[in-house]
Amino acid sequence: ASASEKGTVIRVFSIPGGQKLYEFR
């Protein structure tokens, strides 16, 4: 899971492929 400094979106990626699985806004 990752978030940026803007802080409005959390994204979840599969490992090790890096495909986006979910987005929480």
PDB file of all heavy atoms in Angstrom:
ATOM      1  N   ALA A   1       0.849  -1.193   0.000  1.00  0.00           N
ATOM      2  CA  ALA A   1       0.000   0.000   0.000  1.00  0.00           C
ATOM      3  C   ALA A   1       0.883   1.241   0.000  1.00  0.00           C
ATOM      4  O   ALA A   1       1.965   1.254   0.606  1.00  0.00           O
ATOM      5  CB  ALA A   1      -0.914   0.011   1.226  1.00  0.00           C
ATOM      6  N   SER A   2       0.409   2.278  -0.684  1.00  0.00           N
ATOM      7  CA  SER A   2       1.189   3.519  -0.760  1.00  0.00           C
ATOM      8  C   SER A   2       0.268   4.730  -0.698  1.00  0.00           C
ATOM      9  O   SER A   2      -0.912   4.662  -1.035  1.00  0.00           O
ATOM     10  CB  SER A   2       2.001   3.561  -2.060  1.00  0.00           C
ATOM     11  OG  SER A   2       1.141   3.654  -3.180  1.00  0.00           O
ATOM     12  N   ALA A   3       0.853   5.849  -0.249  1.00  0.00           N
ATOM     13  CA  ALA A   3       0.150   7.136  -0.249  1.00  0.00           C
ATOM     14  C   ALA A   3       1.164   8.213  -0.579  1.00  0.00           C
ATOM     15  O   ALA A   3       2.357   8.076  -0.295  1.00  0.00           O
ATOM     16  CB  ALA A   3      -0.506   7.413   1.107  1.00  0.00           C
ATOM     17  N   SER A   4       0.691   9.300  -1.197  1.00  0.00           N
ATOM     18  CA  SER A   4       1.579  10.405  -1.546  1.00  0.00           C
ATOM     19  C   SER A   4       1.446  11.517  -0.522  1.00  0.00           C
ATOM     20  O   SER A   4       0.623  11.454   0.397  1.00  0.00           O
ATOM     21  CB  SER A   4       1.253  10.932  -2.944  1.00  0.00           C
ATOM     22  OG  SER A   4       0.004  11.618  -2.923  1.00  0.00           O
ATOM     23  N   GLU A   5       2.256  12.556  -0.684  1.00  0.00           N
ATOM     24  CA  GLU A   5       2.203  13.688   0.245  1.00  0.00           C
ATOM     25  C   GLU A   5       0.855  14.404   0.182  1.00  0.00           C
ATOM     26  O   GLU A   5       0.437  15.037   1.152  1.00  0.00           O
ATOM     27  CB  GLU A   5       3.337  14.671  -0.066  1.00  0.00           C
ATOM     28  CG  GLU A   5       4.717  14.117   0.289  1.00  0.00           C
ATOM     29  CD  GLU A   5       5.839  15.083  -0.041  1.00  0.00           C
ATOM     30  OE1 GLU A   5       5.554  16.134  -0.668  1.00  0.00           O
ATOM     31  OE2 GLU A   5       6.994  14.799   0.319  1.00  0.00           O
ATOM     32  N   LYS A   6       0.174  14.305  -0.942  1.00  0.00           N
ATOM     33  CA  LYS A   6      -1.155  14.918  -1.055  1.00  0.00           C
ATOM     34  C   LYS A   6      -2.125  14.273  -0.070  1.00  0.00           C
ATOM     35  O   LYS A   6      -2.993  14.929   0.507  1.00  0.00           O
ATOM     36  CB  LYS A   6      -1.667  14.784  -2.489  1.00  0.00           C
ATOM     37  CG  LYS A   6      -2.915  15.588  -2.782  1.00  0.00           C
ATOM     38  CD  LYS A   6      -3.294  15.480  -4.257  1.00  0.00           C
ATOM     39  CE  LYS A   6      -4.562  16.285  -4.535  1.00  0.00           C
ATOM     40  NZ  LYS A   6      -4.982  16.153  -5.958  1.00  0.00           N
ATOM     41  N   GLY A   7      -1.984  12.961   0.113  1.00  0.00           N
ATOM     42  CA  GLY A   7      -2.697  12.274   1.192  1.00  0.00           C
ATOM     43  C   GLY A   7      -4.155  11.981   0.965  1.00  0.00           C
ATOM     44  O   GLY A   7      -4.879  11.676   1.907  1.00  0.00           O
ATOM     45  N   THR A   8      -4.635  12.056  -0.265  1.00  0.00           N
ATOM     46  CA  THR A   8      -6.063  11.818  -0.501  1.00  0.00           C
ATOM     47  C   THR A   8      -6.342  10.417  -1.050  1.00  0.00           C
ATOM     48  O   THR A   8      -7.488   9.977  -1.040  1.00  0.00           O
ATOM     49  CB  THR A   8      -6.630  12.853  -1.491  1.00  0.00           C
ATOM     50  OG1 THR A   8      -5.840  12.834  -2.688  1.00  0.00           O
ATOM     51  CG2 THR A   8      -6.587  14.246  -0.887  1.00  0.00           C
ATOM     52  N   VAL A   9      -5.309   9.723  -1.522  1.00  0.00           N
ATOM     53  CA  VAL A   9      -5.504   8.417  -2.150  1.00  0.00           C
ATOM     54  C   VAL A   9      -4.525   7.392  -1.580  1.00  0.00           C
ATOM     55  O   VAL A   9      -3.344   7.680  -1.415  1.00  0.00           O
ATOM     56  CB  VAL A   9      -5.315   8.502  -3.686  1.00  0.00           C
ATOM     57  CG1 VAL A   9      -5.394   7.129  -4.319  1.00  0.00           C
ATOM     58  CG2 VAL A   9      -6.371   9.414  -4.306  1.00  0.00           C
ATOM     59  N   ILE A  10      -5.040   6.201  -1.268  1.00  0.00           N
ATOM     60  CA  ILE A  10      -4.204   5.055  -0.924  1.00  0.00           C
ATOM     61  C   ILE A  10      -4.355   4.032  -2.039  1.00  0.00           C
ATOM     62  O   ILE A  10      -5.475   3.668  -2.395  1.00  0.00           O
ATOM     63  CB  ILE A  10      -4.627   4.427   0.416  1.00  0.00           C
ATOM     64  CG1 ILE A  10      -4.473   5.429   1.560  1.00  0.00           C
ATOM     65  CG2 ILE A  10      -3.802   3.164   0.710  1.00  0.00           C
ATOM     66  CD1 ILE A  10      -5.135   4.972   2.851  1.00  0.00           C
ATOM     67  N   ARG A  11      -3.247   3.583  -2.586  1.00  0.00           N
ATOM     68  CA  ARG A  11      -3.300   2.574  -3.637  1.00  0.00           C
ATOM     69  C   ARG A  11      -2.617   1.300  -3.157  1.00  0.00           C
ATOM     70  O   ARG A  11      -1.620   1.361  -2.434  1.00  0.00           O
ATOM     71  CB  ARG A  11      -2.647   3.094  -4.925  1.00  0.00           C
ATOM     72  CG  ARG A  11      -3.424   4.249  -5.544  1.00  0.00           C
ATOM     73  CD  ARG A  11      -2.954   4.581  -6.951  1.00  0.00           C
ATOM     74  NE  ARG A  11      -3.855   5.565  -7.565  1.00  0.00           N
ATOM     75  CZ  ARG A  11      -3.562   6.855  -7.726  1.00  0.00           C
ATOM     76  NH1 ARG A  11      -2.374   7.316  -7.368  1.00  0.00           N
ATOM     77  NH2 ARG A  11      -4.442   7.678  -8.276  1.00  0.00           N
ATOM     78  N   VAL A  12      -3.151   0.149  -3.575  1.00  0.00           N
ATOM     79  CA  VAL A  12      -2.622  -1.154  -3.180  1.00  0.00           C
ATOM     80  C   VAL A  12      -2.194  -1.906  -4.439  1.00  0.00           C
ATOM     81  O   VAL A  12      -2.964  -2.009  -5.396  1.00  0.00           O
ATOM     82  CB  VAL A  12      -3.667  -1.975  -2.396  1.00  0.00           C
ATOM     83  CG1 VAL A  12      -3.089  -3.327  -1.994  1.00  0.00           C
ATOM     84  CG2 VAL A  12      -4.138  -1.201  -1.167  1.00  0.00           C
ATOM     85  N   PHE A  13      -0.957  -2.422  -4.415  1.00  0.00           N
ATOM     86  CA  PHE A  13      -0.381  -3.082  -5.583  1.00  0.00           C
ATOM     87  C   PHE A  13      -0.017  -4.525  -5.258  1.00  0.00           C
ATOM     88  O   PHE A  13       0.322  -4.860  -4.113  1.00  0.00           O
ATOM     89  CB  PHE A  13       0.880  -2.345  -6.047  1.00  0.00           C
ATOM     90  CG  PHE A  13       0.637  -0.899  -6.390  1.00  0.00           C
ATOM     91  CD1 PHE A  13       0.787   0.086  -5.422  1.00  0.00           C
ATOM     92  CD2 PHE A  13       0.247  -0.531  -7.666  1.00  0.00           C
ATOM     93  CE1 PHE A  13       0.557   1.418  -5.720  1.00  0.00           C
ATOM     94  CE2 PHE A  13       0.016   0.803  -7.984  1.00  0.00           C
ATOM     95  CZ  PHE A  13       0.161   1.775  -7.011  1.00  0.00           C
ATOM     96  N   SER A  14      -0.073  -5.385  -6.282  1.00  0.00           N
ATOM     97  CA  SER A  14       0.362  -6.765  -6.119  1.00  0.00           C
ATOM     98  C   SER A  14       1.887  -6.811  -6.144  1.00  0.00           C
ATOM     99  O   SER A  14       2.534  -6.024  -6.834  1.00  0.00           O
ATOM    100  CB  SER A  14      -0.205  -7.647  -7.235  1.00  0.00           C
ATOM    101  OG  SER A  14       0.347  -7.260  -8.486  1.00  0.00           O
ATOM    102  N   ILE A  15       2.443  -7.730  -5.386  1.00  0.00           N
ATOM    103  CA  ILE A  15       3.895  -7.901  -5.310  1.00  0.00           C
ATOM    104  C   ILE A  15       4.240  -9.332  -5.699  1.00  0.00           C
ATOM    105  O   ILE A  15       3.592 -10.265  -5.216  1.00  0.00           O
ATOM    106  CB  ILE A  15       4.401  -7.589  -3.874  1.00  0.00           C
ATOM    107  CG1 ILE A  15       4.045  -6.152  -3.484  1.00  0.00           C
ATOM    108  CG2 ILE A  15       5.898  -7.829  -3.753  1.00  0.00           C
ATOM    109  CD1 ILE A  15       4.650  -5.081  -4.376  1.00  0.00           C
ATOM    110  N   PRO A  16       5.212  -9.547  -6.588  1.00  0.00           N
ATOM    111  CA  PRO A  16       6.191  -8.580  -7.112  1.00  0.00           C
ATOM    112  C   PRO A  16       5.834  -7.928  -8.448  1.00  0.00           C
ATOM    113  O   PRO A  16       6.643  -7.170  -8.972  1.00  0.00           O
ATOM    114  CB  PRO A  16       7.434  -9.467  -7.299  1.00  0.00           C
ATOM    115  CG  PRO A  16       6.870 -10.797  -7.691  1.00  0.00           C
ATOM    116  CD  PRO A  16       5.568 -10.934  -6.936  1.00  0.00           C
ATOM    117  N   GLY A  17       4.658  -8.186  -8.996  1.00  0.00           N
ATOM    118  CA  GLY A  17       4.336  -7.674 -10.327  1.00  0.00           C
ATOM    119  C   GLY A  17       4.101  -6.176 -10.383  1.00  0.00           C
ATOM    120  O   GLY A  17       4.382  -5.536 -11.389  1.00  0.00           O
ATOM    121  N   GLY A  18       3.557  -5.609  -9.306  1.00  0.00           N
ATOM    122  CA  GLY A  18       3.315  -4.175  -9.273  1.00  0.00           C
ATOM    123  C   GLY A  18       2.012  -3.726  -9.896  1.00  0.00           C
ATOM    124  O   GLY A  18       1.809  -2.529 -10.124  1.00  0.00           O
ATOM    125  N   GLN A  19       1.077  -4.667 -10.164  1.00  0.00           N
ATOM    126  CA  GLN A  19      -0.213  -4.268 -10.727  1.00  0.00           C
ATOM    127  C   GLN A  19      -1.095  -3.628  -9.644  1.00  0.00           C
ATOM    128  O   GLN A  19      -1.111  -4.079  -8.510  1.00  0.00           O
ATOM    129  CB  GLN A  19      -0.955  -5.485 -11.312  1.00  0.00           C
ATOM    130  CG  GLN A  19      -0.290  -6.089 -12.539  1.00  0.00           C
ATOM    131  CD  GLN A  19       0.766  -7.123 -12.176  1.00  0.00           C
ATOM    132  OE1 GLN A  19       0.947  -7.440 -11.014  1.00  0.00           O
ATOM    133  NE2 GLN A  19       1.462  -7.637 -13.167  1.00  0.00           N
ATOM    134  N   LYS A  20      -1.822  -2.584 -10.046  1.00  0.00           N
ATOM    135  CA  LYS A  20      -2.709  -1.917  -9.084  1.00  0.00           C
ATOM    136  C   LYS A  20      -3.935  -2.792  -8.832  1.00  0.00           C
ATOM    137  O   LYS A  20      -4.618  -3.213  -9.762  1.00  0.00           O
ATOM    138  CB  LYS A  20      -3.145  -0.543  -9.591  1.00  0.00           C
ATOM    139  CG  LYS A  20      -3.905   0.260  -8.533  1.00  0.00           C
ATOM    140  CD  LYS A  20      -4.224   1.673  -8.988  1.00  0.00           C
ATOM    141  CE  LYS A  20      -5.411   1.695  -9.926  1.00  0.00           C
ATOM    142  NZ  LYS A  20      -5.901   3.077 -10.164  1.00  0.00           N
ATOM    143  N   LEU A  21      -4.203  -3.079  -7.549  1.00  0.00           N
ATOM    144  CA  LEU A  21      -5.331  -3.920  -7.167  1.00  0.00           C
ATOM    145  C   LEU A  21      -6.512  -3.100  -6.663  1.00  0.00           C
ATOM    146  O   LEU A  21      -7.662  -3.378  -6.993  1.00  0.00           O
ATOM    147  CB  LEU A  21      -4.897  -4.905  -6.072  1.00  0.00           C
ATOM    148  CG  LEU A  21      -3.774  -5.883  -6.425  1.00  0.00           C
ATOM    149  CD1 LEU A  21      -3.386  -6.687  -5.191  1.00  0.00           C
ATOM    150  CD2 LEU A  21      -4.209  -6.802  -7.560  1.00  0.00           C
ATOM    151  N   TYR A  22      -6.219  -2.103  -5.830  1.00  0.00           N
ATOM    152  CA  TYR A  22      -7.282  -1.306  -5.203  1.00  0.00           C
ATOM    153  C   TYR A  22      -6.861   0.151  -5.130  1.00  0.00           C
ATOM    154  O   TYR A  22      -5.676   0.478  -5.131  1.00  0.00           O
ATOM    155  CB  TYR A  22      -7.578  -1.789  -3.769  1.00  0.00           C
ATOM    156  CG  TYR A  22      -7.801  -3.266  -3.636  1.00  0.00           C
ATOM    157  CD1 TYR A  22      -6.793  -4.091  -3.134  1.00  0.00           C
ATOM    158  CD2 TYR A  22      -9.014  -3.857  -4.005  1.00  0.00           C
ATOM    159  CE1 TYR A  22      -6.977  -5.457  -3.007  1.00  0.00           C
ATOM    160  CE2 TYR A  22      -9.209  -5.213  -3.873  1.00  0.00           C
ATOM    161  CZ  TYR A  22      -8.183  -6.009  -3.377  1.00  0.00           C
ATOM    162  OH  TYR A  22      -8.385  -7.362  -3.265  1.00  0.00           O
ATOM    163  N   GLU A  23      -7.887   1.005  -5.031  1.00  0.00           N
ATOM    164  CA  GLU A  23      -7.650   2.426  -4.800  1.00  0.00           C
ATOM    165  C   GLU A  23      -8.671   2.928  -3.799  1.00  0.00           C
ATOM    166  O   GLU A  23      -9.875   2.709  -3.972  1.00  0.00           O
ATOM    167  CB  GLU A  23      -7.745   3.218  -6.107  1.00  0.00           C
ATOM    168  CG  GLU A  23      -7.471   4.701  -5.951  1.00  0.00           C
ATOM    169  CD  GLU A  23      -7.381   5.413  -7.286  1.00  0.00           C
ATOM    170  OE1 GLU A  23      -6.477   5.101  -8.076  1.00  0.00           O
ATOM    171  OE2 GLU A  23      -8.253   6.278  -7.537  1.00  0.00           O
ATOM    172  N   PHE A  24      -8.200   3.560  -2.754  1.00  0.00           N
ATOM    173  CA  PHE A  24      -9.080   4.111  -1.716  1.00  0.00           C
ATOM    174  C   PHE A  24      -8.908   5.625  -1.703  1.00  0.00           C
ATOM    175  O   PHE A  24      -7.792   6.130  -1.571  1.00  0.00           O
ATOM    176  CB  PHE A  24      -8.732   3.527  -0.343  1.00  0.00           C
ATOM    177  CG  PHE A  24      -8.829   2.024  -0.303  1.00  0.00           C
ATOM    178  CD1 PHE A  24      -7.709   1.243  -0.499  1.00  0.00           C
ATOM    179  CD2 PHE A  24     -10.043   1.400  -0.076  1.00  0.00           C
ATOM    180  CE1 PHE A  24      -7.785  -0.141  -0.473  1.00  0.00           C
ATOM    181  CE2 PHE A  24     -10.141   0.019  -0.051  1.00  0.00           C
ATOM    182  CZ  PHE A  24      -9.004  -0.755  -0.249  1.00  0.00           C
ATOM    183  N   ARG A  25     -10.025   6.333  -1.837  1.00  0.00           N
ATOM    184  CA  ARG A  25      -9.965   7.791  -1.958  1.00  0.00           C
ATOM    185  C   ARG A  25     -10.692   8.442  -0.781  1.00  0.00           C
ATOM    186  O   ARG A  25     -11.795   8.022  -0.419  1.00  0.00           O
ATOM    187  CB  ARG A  25     -10.607   8.223  -3.274  1.00  0.00           C
ATOM    188  CG  ARG A  25     -10.415   9.694  -3.614  1.00  0.00           C
ATOM    189  CD  ARG A  25     -10.964   9.983  -5.003  1.00  0.00           C
ATOM    190  NE  ARG A  25     -10.256   9.222  -6.039  1.00  0.00           N
ATOM    191  CZ  ARG A  25      -9.133   9.640  -6.615  1.00  0.00           C
ATOM    192  NH1 ARG A  25      -8.589  10.797  -6.269  1.00  0.00           N
ATOM    193  NH2 ARG A  25      -8.557   8.907  -7.557  1.00  0.00           N
TER     194      ARG A  25
END
